[in-house]
Amino acid sequence: MTDGISDESADVVGVFTERIEARFDMGMDQLKAAVSAAPTANPDATDVVKWHGLLVEAQSVLERAEDDLLAALQTQLSEVDDPTMGLAHRVNAAVTVRDGRALVVRWLLDPDAPGKKDLAAERLARLRPRSGPAVQTSAPHRPAGSPAPASAWRSARSAR
């Protein structure tokens, strides 16, 4: 990766945490609390907190996979067996996931990133404020004692 993060960097999460804290001018715990209290107040902060959490999770999975691989490699005499190769593939997959999530966080933090200032970004911004489904997903509430709609009466009658 670029932007001050080398491929050898073991602390990708730490670097992005610092960038997030600098961008929003508050610590990660404060930002998480603010987003929890008012998730729609700042959609950018909400997105960054979500993806930072996914990045932290991916880093944790990667570290466990690396630990498992190292433990398996210490038991190998000369050639690597299939289960150990499976662990190596698990490490590679975990790196890919972690790096993908890091790219999303980097994109979210970059106001000039491709796709943020074009027509599609404007359309997405217009859709963002919606907090519920666009179409009603449950039957409307009827007060007790009010008659059922005629269509409900007809369908109940035809079921007999």
C-alpha atoms as a PDB file:
ATOM      1  CA  MET A   1       0.000   0.000   0.000  1.00  0.00           C
ATOM      2  CA  THR A   2       0.995   3.598  -0.389  1.00  0.00           C
ATOM      3  CA  ASP A   3       0.254   6.741   1.613  1.00  0.00           C
ATOM      4  CA  GLY A   4       2.839   6.066   4.294  1.00  0.00           C
ATOM      5  CA  ILE A   5       1.920   2.433   4.795  1.00  0.00           C
ATOM      6  CA  SER A   6       4.526  -0.024   3.619  1.00  0.00           C
ATOM      7  CA  ASP A   7       3.745  -3.613   2.715  1.00  0.00           C
ATOM      8  CA  GLU A   8       5.869  -4.663   5.668  1.00  0.00           C
ATOM      9  CA  SER A   9       3.857  -2.603   8.142  1.00  0.00           C
ATOM     10  CA  ALA A  10       2.550  -4.866  10.879  1.00  0.00           C
ATOM     11  CA  ASP A  11       0.392  -2.145  12.395  1.00  0.00           C
ATOM     12  CA  VAL A  12      -2.017  -1.277   9.607  1.00  0.00           C
ATOM     13  CA  VAL A  13      -4.821  -0.866  12.126  1.00  0.00           C
ATOM     14  CA  GLY A  14      -2.748   1.548  14.218  1.00  0.00           C
ATOM     15  CA  VAL A  15      -1.917   3.718  11.223  1.00  0.00           C
ATOM     16  CA  PHE A  16      -5.552   3.967  10.156  1.00  0.00           C
ATOM     17  CA  THR A  17      -6.720   4.540  13.711  1.00  0.00           C
ATOM     18  CA  GLU A  18      -4.379   7.545  13.921  1.00  0.00           C
ATOM     19  CA  ARG A  19      -5.674   8.868  10.604  1.00  0.00           C
ATOM     20  CA  ILE A  20      -9.290   8.494  11.695  1.00  0.00           C
ATOM     21  CA  GLU A  21      -8.614  10.213  14.996  1.00  0.00           C
ATOM     22  CA  ALA A  22      -6.871  13.087  13.194  1.00  0.00           C
ATOM     23  CA  ARG A  23      -9.661  13.407  10.608  1.00  0.00           C
ATOM     24  CA  PHE A  24     -12.449  13.579  13.185  1.00  0.00           C
ATOM     25  CA  ASP A  25     -10.350  15.282  15.872  1.00  0.00           C
ATOM     26  CA  MET A  26     -11.261  12.777  18.592  1.00  0.00           C
ATOM     27  CA  GLY A  27     -10.134   9.413  19.907  1.00  0.00           C
ATOM     28  CA  MET A  28     -11.566   6.224  18.443  1.00  0.00           C
ATOM     29  CA  ASP A  29     -13.563   5.448  21.592  1.00  0.00           C
ATOM     30  CA  GLN A  30     -15.114   8.928  21.530  1.00  0.00           C
ATOM     31  CA  LEU A  31     -15.926   8.593  17.845  1.00  0.00           C
ATOM     32  CA  LYS A  32     -17.543   5.190  18.358  1.00  0.00           C
ATOM     33  CA  ALA A  33     -19.626   6.599  21.210  1.00  0.00           C
ATOM     34  CA  ALA A  34     -20.687   9.585  19.098  1.00  0.00           C
ATOM     35  CA  VAL A  35     -21.676   7.333  16.192  1.00  0.00           C
ATOM     36  CA  SER A  36     -23.593   5.014  18.530  1.00  0.00           C
ATOM     37  CA  ALA A  37     -25.461   7.947  20.037  1.00  0.00           C
ATOM     38  CA  ALA A  38     -26.351   9.526  16.679  1.00  0.00           C
ATOM     39  CA  PRO A  39     -25.630   7.184  13.755  1.00  0.00           C
ATOM     40  CA  THR A  40     -27.250   9.443  11.159  1.00  0.00           C
ATOM     41  CA  ALA A  41     -25.661  12.709  12.334  1.00  0.00           C
ATOM     42  CA  ASN A  42     -22.467  12.182  10.332  1.00  0.00           C
ATOM     43  CA  PRO A  43     -22.736   9.410   7.724  1.00  0.00           C
ATOM     44  CA  ASP A  44     -18.999   9.661   6.954  1.00  0.00           C
ATOM     45  CA  ALA A  45     -18.114   8.992  10.590  1.00  0.00           C
ATOM     46  CA  THR A  46     -20.613   6.135  10.744  1.00  0.00           C
ATOM     47  CA  ASP A  47     -19.089   4.502   7.665  1.00  0.00           C
ATOM     48  CA  VAL A  48     -15.531   4.939   8.940  1.00  0.00           C
ATOM     49  CA  VAL A  49     -16.367   3.493  12.361  1.00  0.00           C
ATOM     50  CA  LYS A  50     -18.093   0.507  10.752  1.00  0.00           C
ATOM     51  CA  TRP A  51     -15.194  -0.248   8.419  1.00  0.00           C
ATOM     52  CA  HIS A  52     -12.588   0.374  11.117  1.00  0.00           C
ATOM     53  CA  GLY A  53     -14.345  -2.267  13.207  1.00  0.00           C
ATOM     54  CA  LEU A  54     -14.258  -4.667  10.269  1.00  0.00           C
ATOM     55  CA  LEU A  55     -10.561  -3.884   9.790  1.00  0.00           C
ATOM     56  CA  VAL A  56      -9.815  -4.588  13.464  1.00  0.00           C
ATOM     57  CA  GLU A  57     -11.712  -7.877  13.180  1.00  0.00           C
ATOM     58  CA  ALA A  58      -9.801  -8.863  10.036  1.00  0.00           C
ATOM     59  CA  GLN A  59      -6.465  -8.050  11.704  1.00  0.00           C
ATOM     60  CA  SER A  60      -7.407 -10.272  14.635  1.00  0.00           C
ATOM     61  CA  VAL A  61      -8.303 -13.151  12.306  1.00  0.00           C
ATOM     62  CA  LEU A  62      -4.994 -12.665  10.492  1.00  0.00           C
ATOM     63  CA  GLU A  63      -2.995 -12.765  13.710  1.00  0.00           C
ATOM     64  CA  ARG A  64      -4.701 -15.997  14.818  1.00  0.00           C
ATOM     65  CA  ALA A  65      -4.058 -17.562  11.407  1.00  0.00           C
ATOM     66  CA  GLU A  66      -0.393 -16.543  11.550  1.00  0.00           C
ATOM     67  CA  ASP A  67      -0.047 -17.989  15.056  1.00  0.00           C
ATOM     68  CA  ASP A  68      -1.605 -21.275  13.917  1.00  0.00           C
ATOM     69  CA  LEU A  69       0.716 -21.420  10.906  1.00  0.00           C
ATOM     70  CA  LEU A  70       3.816 -20.737  12.983  1.00  0.00           C
ATOM     71  CA  ALA A  71       2.853 -23.438  15.471  1.00  0.00           C
ATOM     72  CA  ALA A  72       2.341 -25.923  12.631  1.00  0.00           C
ATOM     73  CA  LEU A  73       5.617 -24.982  10.938  1.00  0.00           C
ATOM     74  CA  GLN A  74       7.532 -25.621  14.149  1.00  0.00           C
ATOM     75  CA  THR A  75       6.378 -29.248  14.066  1.00  0.00           C
ATOM     76  CA  GLN A  76       7.396 -29.855  10.436  1.00  0.00           C
ATOM     77  CA  LEU A  77      10.581 -31.802   9.872  1.00  0.00           C
ATOM     78  CA  SER A  78      11.431 -30.965   6.286  1.00  0.00           C
ATOM     79  CA  GLU A  79       8.514 -30.768   3.869  1.00  0.00           C
ATOM     80  CA  VAL A  80       5.326 -28.904   4.602  1.00  0.00           C
ATOM     81  CA  ASP A  81       2.293 -31.187   4.809  1.00  0.00           C
ATOM     82  CA  ASP A  82      -1.151 -30.478   3.365  1.00  0.00           C
ATOM     83  CA  PRO A  83      -2.766 -29.273   6.608  1.00  0.00           C
ATOM     84  CA  THR A  84       0.072 -26.776   7.083  1.00  0.00           C
ATOM     85  CA  MET A  85      -0.316 -25.600   3.488  1.00  0.00           C
ATOM     86  CA  GLY A  86      -3.996 -25.110   4.259  1.00  0.00           C
ATOM     87  CA  LEU A  87      -2.972 -22.856   7.155  1.00  0.00           C
ATOM     88  CA  ALA A  88      -0.694 -20.910   4.811  1.00  0.00           C
ATOM     89  CA  HIS A  89      -3.616 -20.394   2.430  1.00  0.00           C
ATOM     90  CA  ARG A  90      -5.729 -19.258   5.389  1.00  0.00           C
ATOM     91  CA  VAL A  91      -3.061 -16.645   6.208  1.00  0.00           C
ATOM     92  CA  ASN A  92      -3.041 -15.454   2.593  1.00  0.00           C
ATOM     93  CA  ALA A  93      -6.832 -15.151   2.577  1.00  0.00           C
ATOM     94  CA  ALA A  94      -6.766 -13.265   5.888  1.00  0.00           C
ATOM     95  CA  VAL A  95      -4.174 -10.833   4.500  1.00  0.00           C
ATOM     96  CA  THR A  96      -6.369 -10.242   1.458  1.00  0.00           C
ATOM     97  CA  VAL A  97      -9.419  -9.526   3.607  1.00  0.00           C
ATOM     98  CA  ARG A  98      -7.485  -7.226   5.931  1.00  0.00           C
ATOM     99  CA  ASP A  99      -5.927  -5.324   3.042  1.00  0.00           C
ATOM    100  CA  GLY A 100      -9.284  -4.979   1.283  1.00  0.00           C
ATOM    101  CA  ARG A 101     -10.840  -3.507   4.396  1.00  0.00           C
ATOM    102  CA  ALA A 102      -7.854  -1.203   4.821  1.00  0.00           C
ATOM    103  CA  LEU A 103      -8.385   0.032   1.261  1.00  0.00           C
ATOM    104  CA  VAL A 104     -12.015   0.812   2.047  1.00  0.00           C
ATOM    105  CA  VAL A 105     -11.000   2.781   5.153  1.00  0.00           C
ATOM    106  CA  ARG A 106      -8.392   4.657   3.139  1.00  0.00           C
ATOM    107  CA  TRP A 107     -11.000   5.448   0.468  1.00  0.00           C
ATOM    108  CA  LEU A 108     -13.463   6.659   3.107  1.00  0.00           C
ATOM    109  CA  LEU A 109     -10.833   8.974   4.591  1.00  0.00           C
ATOM    110  CA  ASP A 110      -9.836  10.493   1.243  1.00  0.00           C
ATOM    111  CA  PRO A 111     -12.237  13.287   0.236  1.00  0.00           C
ATOM    112  CA  ASP A 112     -10.743  13.376  -3.262  1.00  0.00           C
ATOM    113  CA  ALA A 113     -10.919   9.618  -3.866  1.00  0.00           C
ATOM    114  CA  PRO A 114     -12.245   8.474  -7.233  1.00  0.00           C
ATOM    115  CA  GLY A 115     -15.999   8.044  -7.192  1.00  0.00           C
ATOM    116  CA  LYS A 116     -16.671  10.594  -4.467  1.00  0.00           C
ATOM    117  CA  LYS A 117     -17.315  13.582  -6.700  1.00  0.00           C
ATOM    118  CA  ASP A 118     -19.060  12.102  -9.712  1.00  0.00           C
ATOM    119  CA  LEU A 119     -22.722  11.619 -10.565  1.00  0.00           C
ATOM    120  CA  ALA A 120     -22.929   8.218  -8.861  1.00  0.00           C
ATOM    121  CA  ALA A 121     -21.588   9.707  -5.621  1.00  0.00           C
ATOM    122  CA  GLU A 122     -24.204  12.457  -5.763  1.00  0.00           C
ATOM    123  CA  ARG A 123     -26.973   9.884  -6.240  1.00  0.00           C
ATOM    124  CA  LEU A 124     -25.647   7.841  -3.334  1.00  0.00           C
ATOM    125  CA  ALA A 125     -25.558  10.928  -1.129  1.00  0.00           C
ATOM    126  CA  ARG A 126     -29.217  11.594  -1.911  1.00  0.00           C
ATOM    127  CA  LEU A 127     -30.160   8.052  -0.899  1.00  0.00           C
ATOM    128  CA  ARG A 128     -28.125   8.021   2.299  1.00  0.00           C
ATOM    129  CA  PRO A 129     -30.478   9.873   4.653  1.00  0.00           C
ATOM    130  CA  ARG A 130     -33.141   7.196   4.287  1.00  0.00           C
ATOM    131  CA  SER A 131     -33.359   5.374   7.593  1.00  0.00           C
ATOM    132  CA  GLY A 132     -36.002   2.771   6.827  1.00  0.00           C
ATOM    133  CA  PRO A 133     -37.301   0.711   3.940  1.00  0.00           C
ATOM    134  CA  ALA A 134     -38.687   2.588   0.964  1.00  0.00           C
ATOM    135  CA  VAL A 135     -41.770   0.382   0.920  1.00  0.00           C
ATOM    136  CA  GLN A 136     -43.884  -0.497   3.927  1.00  0.00           C
ATOM    137  CA  THR A 137     -42.955  -4.026   4.963  1.00  0.00           C
ATOM    138  CA  SER A 138     -45.690  -4.768   7.500  1.00  0.00           C
ATOM    139  CA  ALA A 139     -49.447  -4.449   7.586  1.00  0.00           C
ATOM    140  CA  PRO A 140     -50.697  -1.090   8.820  1.00  0.00           C
ATOM    141  CA  HIS A 141     -51.844  -1.044  12.434  1.00  0.00           C
ATOM    142  CA  ARG A 142     -55.613  -1.030  12.946  1.00  0.00           C
ATOM    143  CA  PRO A 143     -57.032   0.286  16.204  1.00  0.00           C
ATOM    144  CA  ALA A 144     -58.939  -2.277  18.269  1.00  0.00           C
ATOM    145  CA  GLY A 145     -62.583  -2.530  17.283  1.00  0.00           C
ATOM    146  CA  SER A 146     -62.145  -1.106  13.799  1.00  0.00           C
ATOM    147  CA  PRO A 147     -63.526  -3.278  11.013  1.00  0.00           C
ATOM    148  CA  ALA A 148     -61.205  -5.288   8.808  1.00  0.00           C
ATOM    149  CA  PRO A 149     -60.946  -4.153   5.180  1.00  0.00           C
ATOM    150  CA  ALA A 150     -63.421  -5.795   2.808  1.00  0.00           C
ATOM    151  CA  SER A 151     -60.623  -7.559   0.975  1.00  0.00           C
ATOM    152  CA  ALA A 152     -59.576  -9.284   4.205  1.00  0.00           C
ATOM    153  CA  TRP A 153     -63.184 -10.356   4.801  1.00  0.00           C
ATOM    154  CA  ARG A 154     -63.455 -11.761   1.246  1.00  0.00           C
ATOM    155  CA  SER A 155     -60.201 -13.726   1.503  1.00  0.00           C
ATOM    156  CA  ALA A 156     -61.261 -15.204   4.856  1.00  0.00           C
ATOM    157  CA  ARG A 157     -64.656 -16.157   3.420  1.00  0.00           C
ATOM    158  CA  SER A 158     -63.162 -17.823   0.320  1.00  0.00           C
ATOM    159  CA  ALA A 159     -60.828 -19.892   2.487  1.00  0.00           C
ATOM    160  CA  ARG A 160     -63.834 -21.665   4.089  1.00  0.00           C
END
